[in-house]
Amino acid sequence: MIHEKIRHFRELRRLRDEDMAERLNISQSTYSRLEKGEIKMDVERLGKIAEILEVPVEELLSPDSVVFHIGHNSGGSNGWYNHQLVQQFPQEIMQPLLDRFEAHIKELQDMNKRLLALLERGQG
């Protein structure tokens, strides 16, 4: 569970395994094994990871699981977000997402209007 959260936050921050390994002063393969849960992690290292990922250690340790999916994601992350994380999203992350969804809704509404107009012409 902790390892999944670490990966989730790493991907959210758009950090690579190599970036994390460098910041932790360990090899990439060692970091990869940490993230997979193959190596036990001490409190000090967990604290450093939380610091790098800019999340409280408590967030990594909390038993809350990842609970829902937000939209299509082509950026490498699996797209699943913890419900607490979504509530804590900074405005600069949420606003572009909201803008994109609002634009998509507008496109769909316009498409519906055009289709209705075509249907009305076809029946009249």
PDB file of N, CA and C in Angstrom:
ATOM      1  N   MET A   1       0.823  -1.195   0.000  1.00  0.00           N
ATOM      2  CA  MET A   1       0.000   0.000   0.000  1.00  0.00           C
ATOM      3  C   MET A   1       0.867   1.259   0.000  1.00  0.00           C
ATOM      4  N   ILE A   2       1.840   1.353   0.921  1.00  0.00           N
ATOM      5  CA  ILE A   2       2.724   2.522   0.952  1.00  0.00           C
ATOM      6  C   ILE A   2       3.449   2.648  -0.376  1.00  0.00           C
ATOM      7  N   HIS A   3       3.885   1.519  -0.901  1.00  0.00           N
ATOM      8  CA  HIS A   3       4.671   1.526  -2.127  1.00  0.00           C
ATOM      9  C   HIS A   3       3.826   2.016  -3.305  1.00  0.00           C
ATOM     10  N   GLU A   4       2.546   1.629  -3.325  1.00  0.00           N
ATOM     11  CA  GLU A   4       1.647   2.103  -4.386  1.00  0.00           C
ATOM     12  C   GLU A   4       1.444   3.605  -4.284  1.00  0.00           C
ATOM     13  N   LYS A   5       1.322   4.102  -3.072  1.00  0.00           N
ATOM     14  CA  LYS A   5       1.139   5.544  -2.876  1.00  0.00           C
ATOM     15  C   LYS A   5       2.390   6.309  -3.295  1.00  0.00           C
ATOM     16  N   ILE A   6       3.543   5.777  -2.958  1.00  0.00           N
ATOM     17  CA  ILE A   6       4.787   6.442  -3.358  1.00  0.00           C
ATOM     18  C   ILE A   6       4.856   6.528  -4.874  1.00  0.00           C
ATOM     19  N   ARG A   7       4.544   5.439  -5.540  1.00  0.00           N
ATOM     20  CA  ARG A   7       4.568   5.453  -7.002  1.00  0.00           C
ATOM     21  C   ARG A   7       3.552   6.453  -7.541  1.00  0.00           C
ATOM     22  N   HIS A   8       2.355   6.426  -6.963  1.00  0.00           N
ATOM     23  CA  HIS A   8       1.302   7.345  -7.401  1.00  0.00           C
ATOM     24  C   HIS A   8       1.761   8.804  -7.296  1.00  0.00           C
ATOM     25  N   PHE A   9       2.294   9.180  -6.135  1.00  0.00           N
ATOM     26  CA  PHE A   9       2.720  10.567  -5.950  1.00  0.00           C
ATOM     27  C   PHE A   9       3.930  10.898  -6.810  1.00  0.00           C
ATOM     28  N   ARG A  10       4.813   9.923  -7.009  1.00  0.00           N
ATOM     29  CA  ARG A  10       5.967  10.159  -7.887  1.00  0.00           C
ATOM     30  C   ARG A  10       5.495  10.460  -9.300  1.00  0.00           C
ATOM     31  N   GLU A  11       4.562   9.661  -9.795  1.00  0.00           N
ATOM     32  CA  GLU A  11       4.045   9.873 -11.142  1.00  0.00           C
ATOM     33  C   GLU A  11       3.257  11.179 -11.224  1.00  0.00           C
ATOM     34  N   LEU A  12       2.529  11.496 -10.183  1.00  0.00           N
ATOM     35  CA  LEU A  12       1.782  12.752 -10.146  1.00  0.00           C
ATOM     36  C   LEU A  12       2.731  13.943 -10.249  1.00  0.00           C
ATOM     37  N   ARG A  13       3.894  13.822  -9.627  1.00  0.00           N
ATOM     38  CA  ARG A  13       4.903  14.895  -9.666  1.00  0.00           C
ATOM     39  C   ARG A  13       5.769  14.816 -10.933  1.00  0.00           C
ATOM     40  N   ARG A  14       5.467  13.815 -11.751  1.00  0.00           N
ATOM     41  CA  ARG A  14       6.208  13.601 -13.007  1.00  0.00           C
ATOM     42  C   ARG A  14       7.703  13.393 -12.765  1.00  0.00           C
ATOM     43  N   LEU A  15       7.978  12.607 -11.739  1.00  0.00           N
ATOM     44  CA  LEU A  15       9.356  12.234 -11.437  1.00  0.00           C
ATOM     45  C   LEU A  15       9.605  10.812 -11.925  1.00  0.00           C
ATOM     46  N   ARG A  16      10.791  10.580 -12.427  1.00  0.00           N
ATOM     47  CA  ARG A  16      11.180   9.238 -12.859  1.00  0.00           C
ATOM     48  C   ARG A  16      11.836   8.495 -11.705  1.00  0.00           C
ATOM     49  N   ASP A  17      11.937   7.175 -11.836  1.00  0.00           N
ATOM     50  CA  ASP A  17      12.677   6.372 -10.848  1.00  0.00           C
ATOM     51  C   ASP A  17      14.070   6.963 -10.647  1.00  0.00           C
ATOM     52  N   GLU A  18      14.694   7.314 -11.755  1.00  0.00           N
ATOM     53  CA  GLU A  18      16.052   7.842 -11.713  1.00  0.00           C
ATOM     54  C   GLU A  18      16.122   9.129 -10.895  1.00  0.00           C
ATOM     55  N   ASP A  19      15.100   9.996 -11.037  1.00  0.00           N
ATOM     56  CA  ASP A  19      15.068  11.252 -10.280  1.00  0.00           C
ATOM     57  C   ASP A  19      15.013  10.967  -8.780  1.00  0.00           C
ATOM     58  N   MET A  20      14.141  10.034  -8.400  1.00  0.00           N
ATOM     59  CA  MET A  20      13.997   9.682  -6.988  1.00  0.00           C
ATOM     60  C   MET A  20      15.293   9.067  -6.456  1.00  0.00           C
ATOM     61  N   ALA A  21      15.866   8.163  -7.218  1.00  0.00           N
ATOM     62  CA  ALA A  21      17.103   7.508  -6.790  1.00  0.00           C
ATOM     63  C   ALA A  21      18.206   8.541  -6.569  1.00  0.00           C
ATOM     64  N   GLU A  22      18.319   9.472  -7.483  1.00  0.00           N
ATOM     65  CA  GLU A  22      19.355  10.503  -7.365  1.00  0.00           C
ATOM     66  C   GLU A  22      19.138  11.340  -6.103  1.00  0.00           C
ATOM     67  N   ARG A  23      17.905  11.744  -5.861  1.00  0.00           N
ATOM     68  CA  ARG A  23      17.616  12.575  -4.690  1.00  0.00           C
ATOM     69  C   ARG A  23      17.791  11.820  -3.379  1.00  0.00           C
ATOM     70  N   LEU A  24      17.638  10.505  -3.439  1.00  0.00           N
ATOM     71  CA  LEU A  24      17.808   9.678  -2.236  1.00  0.00           C
ATOM     72  C   LEU A  24      19.235   9.146  -2.095  1.00  0.00           C
ATOM     73  N   ASN A  25      20.076   9.448  -3.091  1.00  0.00           N
ATOM     74  CA  ASN A  25      21.464   8.975  -3.107  1.00  0.00           C
ATOM     75  C   ASN A  25      21.554   7.451  -3.071  1.00  0.00           C
ATOM     76  N   ILE A  26      20.708   6.810  -3.885  1.00  0.00           N
ATOM     77  CA  ILE A  26      20.741   5.355  -4.032  1.00  0.00           C
ATOM     78  C   ILE A  26      20.691   5.034  -5.522  1.00  0.00           C
ATOM     79  N   SER A  27      20.931   3.792  -5.870  1.00  0.00           N
ATOM     80  CA  SER A  27      20.876   3.410  -7.284  1.00  0.00           C
ATOM     81  C   SER A  27      19.418   3.339  -7.749  1.00  0.00           C
ATOM     82  N   GLN A  28      19.241   3.428  -9.045  1.00  0.00           N
ATOM     83  CA  GLN A  28      17.893   3.343  -9.620  1.00  0.00           C
ATOM     84  C   GLN A  28      17.284   1.980  -9.335  1.00  0.00           C
ATOM     85  N   SER A  29      18.091   0.935  -9.412  1.00  0.00           N
ATOM     86  CA  SER A  29      17.557  -0.404  -9.162  1.00  0.00           C
ATOM     87  C   SER A  29      17.119  -0.565  -7.703  1.00  0.00           C
ATOM     88  N   THR A  30      17.879   0.029  -6.778  1.00  0.00           N
ATOM     89  CA  THR A  30      17.489  -0.018  -5.367  1.00  0.00           C
ATOM     90  C   THR A  30      16.193   0.743  -5.162  1.00  0.00           C
ATOM     91  N   TYR A  31      16.073   1.917  -5.787  1.00  0.00           N
ATOM     92  CA  TYR A  31      14.833   2.680  -5.645  1.00  0.00           C
ATOM     93  C   TYR A  31      13.655   1.889  -6.225  1.00  0.00           C
ATOM     94  N   SER A  32      13.859   1.295  -7.376  1.00  0.00           N
ATOM     95  CA  SER A  32      12.800   0.516  -8.011  1.00  0.00           C
ATOM     96  C   SER A  32      12.337  -0.613  -7.085  1.00  0.00           C
ATOM     97  N   ARG A  33      13.278  -1.263  -6.433  1.00  0.00           N
ATOM     98  CA  ARG A  33      12.928  -2.336  -5.492  1.00  0.00           C
ATOM     99  C   ARG A  33      12.187  -1.787  -4.274  1.00  0.00           C
ATOM    100  N   LEU A  34      12.566  -0.589  -3.820  1.00  0.00           N
ATOM    101  CA  LEU A  34      11.843   0.068  -2.714  1.00  0.00           C
ATOM    102  C   LEU A  34      10.396   0.325  -3.100  1.00  0.00           C
ATOM    103  N   GLU A  35      10.225   0.875  -4.303  1.00  0.00           N
ATOM    104  CA  GLU A  35       8.882   1.228  -4.758  1.00  0.00           C
ATOM    105  C   GLU A  35       8.009  -0.004  -4.984  1.00  0.00           C
ATOM    106  N   LYS A  36       8.622  -1.108  -5.305  1.00  0.00           N
ATOM    107  CA  LYS A  36       7.876  -2.357  -5.495  1.00  0.00           C
ATOM    108  C   LYS A  36       7.625  -3.084  -4.179  1.00  0.00           C
ATOM    109  N   GLY A  37       8.216  -2.577  -3.100  1.00  0.00           N
ATOM    110  CA  GLY A  37       8.035  -3.216  -1.806  1.00  0.00           C
ATOM    111  C   GLY A  37       8.946  -4.408  -1.575  1.00  0.00           C
ATOM    112  N   GLU A  38       9.974  -4.546  -2.401  1.00  0.00           N
ATOM    113  CA  GLU A  38      10.905  -5.665  -2.266  1.00  0.00           C
ATOM    114  C   GLU A  38      11.949  -5.413  -1.181  1.00  0.00           C
ATOM    115  N   ILE A  39      12.120  -4.144  -0.807  1.00  0.00           N
ATOM    116  CA  ILE A  39      13.085  -3.768   0.233  1.00  0.00           C
ATOM    117  C   ILE A  39      12.323  -3.009   1.312  1.00  0.00           C
ATOM    118  N   LYS A  40      12.607  -3.339   2.563  1.00  0.00           N
ATOM    119  CA  LYS A  40      11.968  -2.615   3.664  1.00  0.00           C
ATOM    120  C   LYS A  40      12.558  -1.211   3.756  1.00  0.00           C
ATOM    121  N   MET A  41      11.720  -0.299   4.187  1.00  0.00           N
ATOM    122  CA  MET A  41      12.093   1.097   4.245  1.00  0.00           C
ATOM    123  C   MET A  41      12.138   1.556   5.699  1.00  0.00           C
ATOM    124  N   ASP A  42      13.185   2.287   6.076  1.00  0.00           N
ATOM    125  CA  ASP A  42      13.226   2.818   7.431  1.00  0.00           C
ATOM    126  C   ASP A  42      12.511   4.166   7.481  1.00  0.00           C
ATOM    127  N   VAL A  43      12.270   4.639   8.681  1.00  0.00           N
ATOM    128  CA  VAL A  43      11.511   5.867   8.885  1.00  0.00           C
ATOM    129  C   VAL A  43      12.211   7.065   8.252  1.00  0.00           C
ATOM    130  N   GLU A  44      13.515   7.093   8.359  1.00  0.00           N
ATOM    131  CA  GLU A  44      14.279   8.217   7.801  1.00  0.00           C
ATOM    132  C   GLU A  44      14.104   8.292   6.280  1.00  0.00           C
ATOM    133  N   ARG A  45      14.211   7.150   5.621  1.00  0.00           N
ATOM    134  CA  ARG A  45      14.056   7.133   4.168  1.00  0.00           C
ATOM    135  C   ARG A  45      12.626   7.482   3.772  1.00  0.00           C
ATOM    136  N   LEU A  46      11.648   6.981   4.508  1.00  0.00           N
ATOM    137  CA  LEU A  46      10.255   7.315   4.224  1.00  0.00           C
ATOM    138  C   LEU A  46      10.039   8.825   4.363  1.00  0.00           C
ATOM    139  N   GLY A  47      10.637   9.422   5.383  1.00  0.00           N
ATOM    140  CA  GLY A  47      10.540  10.867   5.566  1.00  0.00           C
ATOM    141  C   GLY A  47      11.150  11.631   4.404  1.00  0.00           C
ATOM    142  N   LYS A  48      12.285  11.172   3.910  1.00  0.00           N
ATOM    143  CA  LYS A  48      12.948  11.826   2.773  1.00  0.00           C
ATOM    144  C   LYS A  48      12.095  11.694   1.514  1.00  0.00           C
ATOM    145  N   ILE A  49      11.498  10.517   1.302  1.00  0.00           N
ATOM    146  CA  ILE A  49      10.627  10.310   0.139  1.00  0.00           C
ATOM    147  C   ILE A  49       9.422  11.248   0.219  1.00  0.00           C
ATOM    148  N   ALA A  50       8.821  11.340   1.395  1.00  0.00           N
ATOM    149  CA  ALA A  50       7.670  12.239   1.573  1.00  0.00           C
ATOM    150  C   ALA A  50       8.077  13.680   1.274  1.00  0.00           C
ATOM    151  N   GLU A  51       9.249  14.063   1.727  1.00  0.00           N
ATOM    152  CA  GLU A  51       9.749  15.422   1.475  1.00  0.00           C
ATOM    153  C   GLU A  51       9.918  15.668  -0.025  1.00  0.00           C
ATOM    154  N   ILE A  52      10.518  14.732  -0.724  1.00  0.00           N
ATOM    155  CA  ILE A  52      10.719  14.856  -2.176  1.00  0.00           C
ATOM    156  C   ILE A  52       9.377  14.953  -2.897  1.00  0.00           C
ATOM    157  N   LEU A  53       8.418  14.143  -2.457  1.00  0.00           N
ATOM    158  CA  LEU A  53       7.103  14.100  -3.108  1.00  0.00           C
ATOM    159  C   LEU A  53       6.171  15.218  -2.632  1.00  0.00           C
ATOM    160  N   GLU A  54       6.634  15.973  -1.629  1.00  0.00           N
ATOM    161  CA  GLU A  54       5.871  17.097  -1.089  1.00  0.00           C
ATOM    162  C   GLU A  54       4.521  16.665  -0.533  1.00  0.00           C
ATOM    163  N   VAL A  55       4.545  15.558   0.216  1.00  0.00           N
ATOM    164  CA  VAL A  55       3.347  15.071   0.902  1.00  0.00           C
ATOM    165  C   VAL A  55       3.736  14.737   2.346  1.00  0.00           C
ATOM    166  N   PRO A  56       2.792  14.849   3.264  1.00  0.00           N
ATOM    167  CA  PRO A  56       3.108  14.444   4.635  1.00  0.00           C
ATOM    168  C   PRO A  56       3.316  12.933   4.716  1.00  0.00           C
ATOM    169  N   VAL A  57       4.190  12.510   5.598  1.00  0.00           N
ATOM    170  CA  VAL A  57       4.426  11.081   5.803  1.00  0.00           C
ATOM    171  C   VAL A  57       3.107  10.383   6.125  1.00  0.00           C
ATOM    172  N   GLU A  58       2.243  11.081   6.867  1.00  0.00           N
ATOM    173  CA  GLU A  58       0.953  10.498   7.244  1.00  0.00           C
ATOM    174  C   GLU A  58       0.136  10.103   6.020  1.00  0.00           C
ATOM    175  N   GLU A  59       0.236  10.875   4.944  1.00  0.00           N
ATOM    176  CA  GLU A  59      -0.510  10.558   3.717  1.00  0.00           C
ATOM    177  C   GLU A  59      -0.018   9.239   3.130  1.00  0.00           C
ATOM    178  N   LEU A  60       1.287   9.028   3.182  1.00  0.00           N
ATOM    179  CA  LEU A  60       1.838   7.769   2.664  1.00  0.00           C
ATOM    180  C   LEU A  60       1.468   6.592   3.559  1.00  0.00           C
ATOM    181  N   LEU A  61       1.330   6.847   4.851  1.00  0.00           N
ATOM    182  CA  LEU A  61       1.029   5.785   5.806  1.00  0.00           C
ATOM    183  C   LEU A  61      -0.460   5.530   5.993  1.00  0.00           C
ATOM    184  N   SER A  62      -1.304   6.464   5.559  1.00  0.00           N
ATOM    185  CA  SER A  62      -2.742   6.314   5.806  1.00  0.00           C
ATOM    186  C   SER A  62      -3.279   5.081   5.087  1.00  0.00           C
ATOM    187  N   PRO A  63      -4.257   4.416   5.697  1.00  0.00           N
ATOM    188  CA  PRO A  63      -4.799   3.196   5.109  1.00  0.00           C
ATOM    189  C   PRO A  63      -5.767   3.443   3.960  1.00  0.00           C
ATOM    190  N   ASP A  64      -6.100   4.713   3.695  1.00  0.00           N
ATOM    191  CA  ASP A  64      -7.025   4.998   2.598  1.00  0.00           C
ATOM    192  C   ASP A  64      -6.464   4.452   1.308  1.00  0.00           C
ATOM    193  N   SER A  65      -7.324   3.820   0.560  1.00  0.00           N
ATOM    194  CA  SER A  65      -6.873   3.264  -0.713  1.00  0.00           C
ATOM    195  C   SER A  65      -7.256   4.195  -1.846  1.00  0.00           C
ATOM    196  N   VAL A  66      -6.688   3.923  -2.968  1.00  0.00           N
ATOM    197  CA  VAL A  66      -7.014   4.654  -4.177  1.00  0.00           C
ATOM    198  C   VAL A  66      -8.425   4.248  -4.572  1.00  0.00           C
ATOM    199  N   VAL A  67      -9.322   5.230  -4.816  1.00  0.00           N
ATOM    200  CA  VAL A  67     -10.719   4.859  -4.920  1.00  0.00           C
ATOM    201  C   VAL A  67     -11.424   5.184  -6.227  1.00  0.00           C
ATOM    202  N   PHE A  68     -10.926   6.091  -7.039  1.00  0.00           N
ATOM    203  CA  PHE A  68     -11.640   6.339  -8.283  1.00  0.00           C
ATOM    204  C   PHE A  68     -10.728   6.914  -9.352  1.00  0.00           C
ATOM    205  N   HIS A  69     -11.247   6.954 -10.553  1.00  0.00           N
ATOM    206  CA  HIS A  69     -10.482   7.331 -11.729  1.00  0.00           C
ATOM    207  C   HIS A  69     -10.963   8.678 -12.232  1.00  0.00           C
ATOM    208  N   ILE A  70     -10.014   9.510 -12.648  1.00  0.00           N
ATOM    209  CA  ILE A  70     -10.379  10.814 -13.188  1.00  0.00           C
ATOM    210  C   ILE A  70      -9.927  10.879 -14.638  1.00  0.00           C
ATOM    211  N   GLY A  71     -10.869  10.816 -15.560  1.00  0.00           N
ATOM    212  CA  GLY A  71     -10.609  11.068 -16.970  1.00  0.00           C
ATOM    213  C   GLY A  71      -9.578  10.182 -17.637  1.00  0.00           C
ATOM    214  N   HIS A  72      -9.328  10.489 -18.893  1.00  0.00           N
ATOM    215  CA  HIS A  72      -8.335   9.791 -19.702  1.00  0.00           C
ATOM    216  C   HIS A  72      -6.963  10.311 -19.346  1.00  0.00           C
ATOM    217  N   ASN A  73      -5.993   9.440 -19.279  1.00  0.00           N
ATOM    218  CA  ASN A  73      -4.662   9.850 -18.885  1.00  0.00           C
ATOM    219  C   ASN A  73      -3.648   9.219 -19.824  1.00  0.00           C
ATOM    220  N   SER A  74      -2.887  10.056 -20.517  1.00  0.00           N
ATOM    221  CA  SER A  74      -1.855   9.524 -21.399  1.00  0.00           C
ATOM    222  C   SER A  74      -0.467   9.911 -20.910  1.00  0.00           C
ATOM    223  N   GLY A  75      -0.363  10.422 -19.700  1.00  0.00           N
ATOM    224  CA  GLY A  75       0.908  10.908 -19.199  1.00  0.00           C
ATOM    225  C   GLY A  75       1.735   9.901 -18.420  1.00  0.00           C
ATOM    226  N   GLY A  76       1.358   8.652 -18.418  1.00  0.00           N
ATOM    227  CA  GLY A  76       2.170   7.652 -17.745  1.00  0.00           C
ATOM    228  C   GLY A  76       1.619   7.216 -16.409  1.00  0.00           C
ATOM    229  N   SER A  77       0.881   8.045 -15.746  1.00  0.00           N
ATOM    230  CA  SER A  77       0.281   7.642 -14.479  1.00  0.00           C
ATOM    231  C   SER A  77      -0.903   6.740 -14.769  1.00  0.00           C
ATOM    232  N   ASN A  78      -1.260   5.922 -13.824  1.00  0.00           N
ATOM    233  CA  ASN A  78      -2.379   5.029 -14.070  1.00  0.00           C
ATOM    234  C   ASN A  78      -3.723   5.738 -13.977  1.00  0.00           C
ATOM    235  N   GLY A  79      -3.727   7.006 -13.561  1.00  0.00           N
ATOM    236  CA  GLY A  79      -4.954   7.791 -13.563  1.00  0.00           C
ATOM    237  C   GLY A  79      -5.835   7.610 -12.351  1.00  0.00           C
ATOM    238  N   TRP A  80      -5.449   6.797 -11.391  1.00  0.00           N
ATOM    239  CA  TRP A  80      -6.264   6.579 -10.206  1.00  0.00           C
ATOM    240  C   TRP A  80      -5.823   7.518  -9.108  1.00  0.00           C
ATOM    241  N   TYR A  81      -6.781   8.119  -8.415  1.00  0.00           N
ATOM    242  CA  TYR A  81      -6.461   9.106  -7.390  1.00  0.00           C
ATOM    243  C   TYR A  81      -7.150   8.802  -6.075  1.00  0.00           C
ATOM    244  N   ASN A  82      -6.461   9.051  -5.009  1.00  0.00           N
ATOM    245  CA  ASN A  82      -7.021   8.921  -3.666  1.00  0.00           C
ATOM    246  C   ASN A  82      -8.036  10.026  -3.467  1.00  0.00           C
ATOM    247  N   HIS A  83      -9.169   9.710  -2.868  1.00  0.00           N
ATOM    248  CA  HIS A  83     -10.201  10.723  -2.693  1.00  0.00           C
ATOM    249  C   HIS A  83      -9.716  11.893  -1.854  1.00  0.00           C
ATOM    250  N   GLN A  84      -8.828  11.663  -0.897  1.00  0.00           N
ATOM    251  CA  GLN A  84      -8.297  12.774  -0.111  1.00  0.00           C
ATOM    252  C   GLN A  84      -7.388  13.646  -0.969  1.00  0.00           C
ATOM    253  N   LEU A  85      -6.633  13.034  -1.835  1.00  0.00           N
ATOM    254  CA  LEU A  85      -5.734  13.781  -2.696  1.00  0.00           C
ATOM    255  C   LEU A  85      -6.510  14.744  -3.572  1.00  0.00           C
ATOM    256  N   VAL A  86      -7.607  14.299  -4.141  1.00  0.00           N
ATOM    257  CA  VAL A  86      -8.398  15.160  -5.012  1.00  0.00           C
ATOM    258  C   VAL A  86      -8.893  16.372  -4.236  1.00  0.00           C
ATOM    259  N   GLN A  87      -9.291  16.189  -2.993  1.00  0.00           N
ATOM    260  CA  GLN A  87      -9.740  17.316  -2.189  1.00  0.00           C
ATOM    261  C   GLN A  87      -8.608  18.284  -1.908  1.00  0.00           C
ATOM    262  N   GLN A  88      -7.384  17.811  -1.931  1.00  0.00           N
ATOM    263  CA  GLN A  88      -6.234  18.647  -1.604  1.00  0.00           C
ATOM    264  C   GLN A  88      -5.520  19.191  -2.837  1.00  0.00           C
ATOM    265  N   PHE A  89      -5.995  18.872  -4.033  1.00  0.00           N
ATOM    266  CA  PHE A  89      -5.329  19.346  -5.245  1.00  0.00           C
ATOM    267  C   PHE A  89      -5.183  20.859  -5.226  1.00  0.00           C
ATOM    268  N   PRO A  90      -4.019  21.363  -5.521  1.00  0.00           N
ATOM    269  CA  PRO A  90      -3.870  22.810  -5.629  1.00  0.00           C
ATOM    270  C   PRO A  90      -4.672  23.337  -6.823  1.00  0.00           C
ATOM    271  N   GLN A  91      -5.095  24.564  -6.719  1.00  0.00           N
ATOM    272  CA  GLN A  91      -5.914  25.184  -7.755  1.00  0.00           C
ATOM    273  C   GLN A  91      -5.224  25.136  -9.124  1.00  0.00           C
ATOM    274  N   GLU A  92      -3.913  25.308  -9.161  1.00  0.00           N
ATOM    275  CA  GLU A  92      -3.214  25.313 -10.448  1.00  0.00           C
ATOM    276  C   GLU A  92      -3.251  23.957 -11.149  1.00  0.00           C
ATOM    277  N   ILE A  93      -3.506  22.889 -10.410  1.00  0.00           N
ATOM    278  CA  ILE A  93      -3.654  21.575 -11.025  1.00  0.00           C
ATOM    279  C   ILE A  93      -5.109  21.354 -11.431  1.00  0.00           C
ATOM    280  N   MET A  94      -6.018  21.725 -10.562  1.00  0.00           N
ATOM    281  CA  MET A  94      -7.444  21.482 -10.829  1.00  0.00           C
ATOM    282  C   MET A  94      -7.998  22.368 -11.940  1.00  0.00           C
ATOM    283  N   GLN A  95      -7.608  23.638 -11.980  1.00  0.00           N
ATOM    284  CA  GLN A  95      -8.220  24.564 -12.925  1.00  0.00           C
ATOM    285  C   GLN A  95      -8.052  24.135 -14.380  1.00  0.00           C
ATOM    286  N   PRO A  96      -6.851  23.737 -14.818  1.00  0.00           N
ATOM    287  CA  PRO A  96      -6.734  23.269 -16.204  1.00  0.00           C
ATOM    288  C   PRO A  96      -7.604  22.047 -16.489  1.00  0.00           C
ATOM    289  N   LEU A  97      -7.739  21.155 -15.521  1.00  0.00           N
ATOM    290  CA  LEU A  97      -8.608  19.992 -15.704  1.00  0.00           C
ATOM    291  C   LEU A  97     -10.064  20.425 -15.842  1.00  0.00           C
ATOM    292  N   LEU A  98     -10.487  21.316 -14.971  1.00  0.00           N
ATOM    293  CA  LEU A  98     -11.862  21.820 -15.040  1.00  0.00           C
ATOM    294  C   LEU A  98     -12.119  22.535 -16.361  1.00  0.00           C
ATOM    295  N   ASP A  99     -11.161  23.364 -16.783  1.00  0.00           N
ATOM    296  CA  ASP A  99     -11.304  24.080 -18.056  1.00  0.00           C
ATOM    297  C   ASP A  99     -11.445  23.105 -19.221  1.00  0.00           C
ATOM    298  N   ARG A 100     -10.626  22.053 -19.207  1.00  0.00           N
ATOM    299  CA  ARG A 100     -10.676  21.067 -20.288  1.00  0.00           C
ATOM    300  C   ARG A 100     -12.018  20.334 -20.301  1.00  0.00           C
ATOM    301  N   PHE A 101     -12.499  19.946 -19.116  1.00  0.00           N
ATOM    302  CA  PHE A 101     -13.789  19.260 -19.049  1.00  0.00           C
ATOM    303  C   PHE A 101     -14.936  20.177 -19.459  1.00  0.00           C
ATOM    304  N   GLU A 102     -14.886  21.441 -19.049  1.00  0.00           N
ATOM    305  CA  GLU A 102     -15.931  22.392 -19.440  1.00  0.00           C
ATOM    306  C   GLU A 102     -15.930  22.601 -20.954  1.00  0.00           C
ATOM    307  N   ALA A 103     -14.749  22.694 -21.560  1.00  0.00           N
ATOM    308  CA  ALA A 103     -14.662  22.845 -23.017  1.00  0.00           C
ATOM    309  C   ALA A 103     -15.225  21.612 -23.714  1.00  0.00           C
ATOM    310  N   HIS A 104     -14.939  20.445 -23.177  1.00  0.00           N
ATOM    311  CA  HIS A 104     -15.459  19.209 -23.765  1.00  0.00           C
ATOM    312  C   HIS A 104     -16.984  19.148 -23.650  1.00  0.00           C
ATOM    313  N   ILE A 105     -17.503  19.541 -22.506  1.00  0.00           N
ATOM    314  CA  ILE A 105     -18.962  19.583 -22.321  1.00  0.00           C
ATOM    315  C   ILE A 105     -19.590  20.532 -23.328  1.00  0.00           C
ATOM    316  N   LYS A 106     -18.990  21.696 -23.528  1.00  0.00           N
ATOM    317  CA  LYS A 106     -19.509  22.682 -24.495  1.00  0.00           C
ATOM    318  C   LYS A 106     -19.505  22.087 -25.902  1.00  0.00           C
ATOM    319  N   GLU A 107     -18.424  21.406 -26.270  1.00  0.00           N
ATOM    320  CA  GLU A 107     -18.357  20.761 -27.588  1.00  0.00           C
ATOM    321  C   GLU A 107     -19.485  19.748 -27.750  1.00  0.00           C
ATOM    322  N   LEU A 108     -19.725  18.949 -26.726  1.00  0.00           N
ATOM    323  CA  LEU A 108     -20.797  17.951 -26.793  1.00  0.00           C
ATOM    324  C   LEU A 108     -22.176  18.610 -26.884  1.00  0.00           C
ATOM    325  N   GLN A 109     -22.371  19.681 -26.151  1.00  0.00           N
ATOM    326  CA  GLN A 109     -23.646  20.396 -26.223  1.00  0.00           C
ATOM    327  C   GLN A 109     -23.865  20.966 -27.629  1.00  0.00           C
ATOM    328  N   ASP A 110     -22.815  21.551 -28.209  1.00  0.00           N
ATOM    329  CA  ASP A 110     -22.915  22.091 -29.569  1.00  0.00           C
ATOM    330  C   ASP A 110     -23.210  20.980 -30.578  1.00  0.00           C
ATOM    331  N   MET A 111     -22.559  19.837 -30.400  1.00  0.00           N
ATOM    332  CA  MET A 111     -22.791  18.707 -31.284  1.00  0.00           C
ATOM    333  C   MET A 111     -24.244  18.233 -31.177  1.00  0.00           C
ATOM    334  N   ASN A 112     -24.762  18.183 -29.958  1.00  0.00           N
ATOM    335  CA  ASN A 112     -26.162  17.793 -29.760  1.00  0.00           C
ATOM    336  C   ASN A 112     -27.111  18.755 -30.468  1.00  0.00           C
ATOM    337  N   LYS A 113     -26.840  20.048 -30.387  1.00  0.00           N
ATOM    338  CA  LYS A 113     -27.678  21.042 -31.063  1.00  0.00           C
ATOM    339  C   LYS A 113     -27.665  20.816 -32.570  1.00  0.00           C
ATOM    340  N   ARG A 114     -26.476  20.575 -33.134  1.00  0.00           N
ATOM    341  CA  ARG A 114     -26.373  20.334 -34.576  1.00  0.00           C
ATOM    342  C   ARG A 114     -27.123  19.069 -34.980  1.00  0.00           C
ATOM    343  N   LEU A 115     -26.992  18.018 -34.184  1.00  0.00           N
ATOM    344  CA  LEU A 115     -27.690  16.769 -34.491  1.00  0.00           C
ATOM    345  C   LEU A 115     -29.204  16.928 -34.389  1.00  0.00           C
ATOM    346  N   LEU A 116     -29.662  17.659 -33.385  1.00  0.00           N
ATOM    347  CA  LEU A 116     -31.100  17.924 -33.267  1.00  0.00           C
ATOM    348  C   LEU A 116     -31.617  18.717 -34.461  1.00  0.00           C
ATOM    349  N   ALA A 117     -30.852  19.688 -34.903  1.00  0.00           N
ATOM    350  CA  ALA A 117     -31.242  20.488 -36.059  1.00  0.00           C
ATOM    351  C   ALA A 117     -31.322  19.600 -37.300  1.00  0.00           C
ATOM    352  N   LEU A 118     -30.371  18.697 -37.474  1.00  0.00           N
ATOM    353  CA  LEU A 118     -30.398  17.783 -38.613  1.00  0.00           C
ATOM    354  C   LEU A 118     -31.629  16.869 -38.566  1.00  0.00           C
ATOM    355  N   LEU A 119     -31.932  16.378 -37.363  1.00  0.00           N
ATOM    356  CA  LEU A 119     -33.105  15.528 -37.201  1.00  0.00           C
ATOM    357  C   LEU A 119     -34.384  16.292 -37.526  1.00  0.00           C
ATOM    358  N   GLU A 120     -34.489  17.503 -37.086  1.00  0.00           N
ATOM    359  CA  GLU A 120     -35.682  18.309 -37.340  1.00  0.00           C
ATOM    360  C   GLU A 120     -35.846  18.578 -38.845  1.00  0.00           C
ATOM    361  N   ARG A 121     -34.750  18.851 -39.536  1.00  0.00           N
ATOM    362  CA  ARG A 121     -34.805  19.078 -40.990  1.00  0.00           C
ATOM    363  C   ARG A 121     -35.232  17.820 -41.729  1.00  0.00           C
ATOM    364  N   GLY A 122     -34.767  16.664 -41.237  1.00  0.00           N
ATOM    365  CA  GLY A 122     -35.080  15.399 -41.866  1.00  0.00           C
ATOM    366  C   GLY A 122     -36.538  14.997 -41.678  1.00  0.00           C
ATOM    367  N   GLN A 123     -37.171  15.475 -40.621  1.00  0.00           N
ATOM    368  CA  GLN A 123     -38.558  15.132 -40.334  1.00  0.00           C
ATOM    369  C   GLN A 123     -39.527  16.136 -40.931  1.00  0.00           C
ATOM    370  N   GLY A 124     -39.052  17.304 -41.276  1.00  0.00           N
ATOM    371  CA  GLY A 124     -39.942  18.373 -41.712  1.00  0.00           C
ATOM    372  C   GLY A 124     -40.209  18.447 -43.142  1.00  0.00           C
TER     373      GLY A 124
END
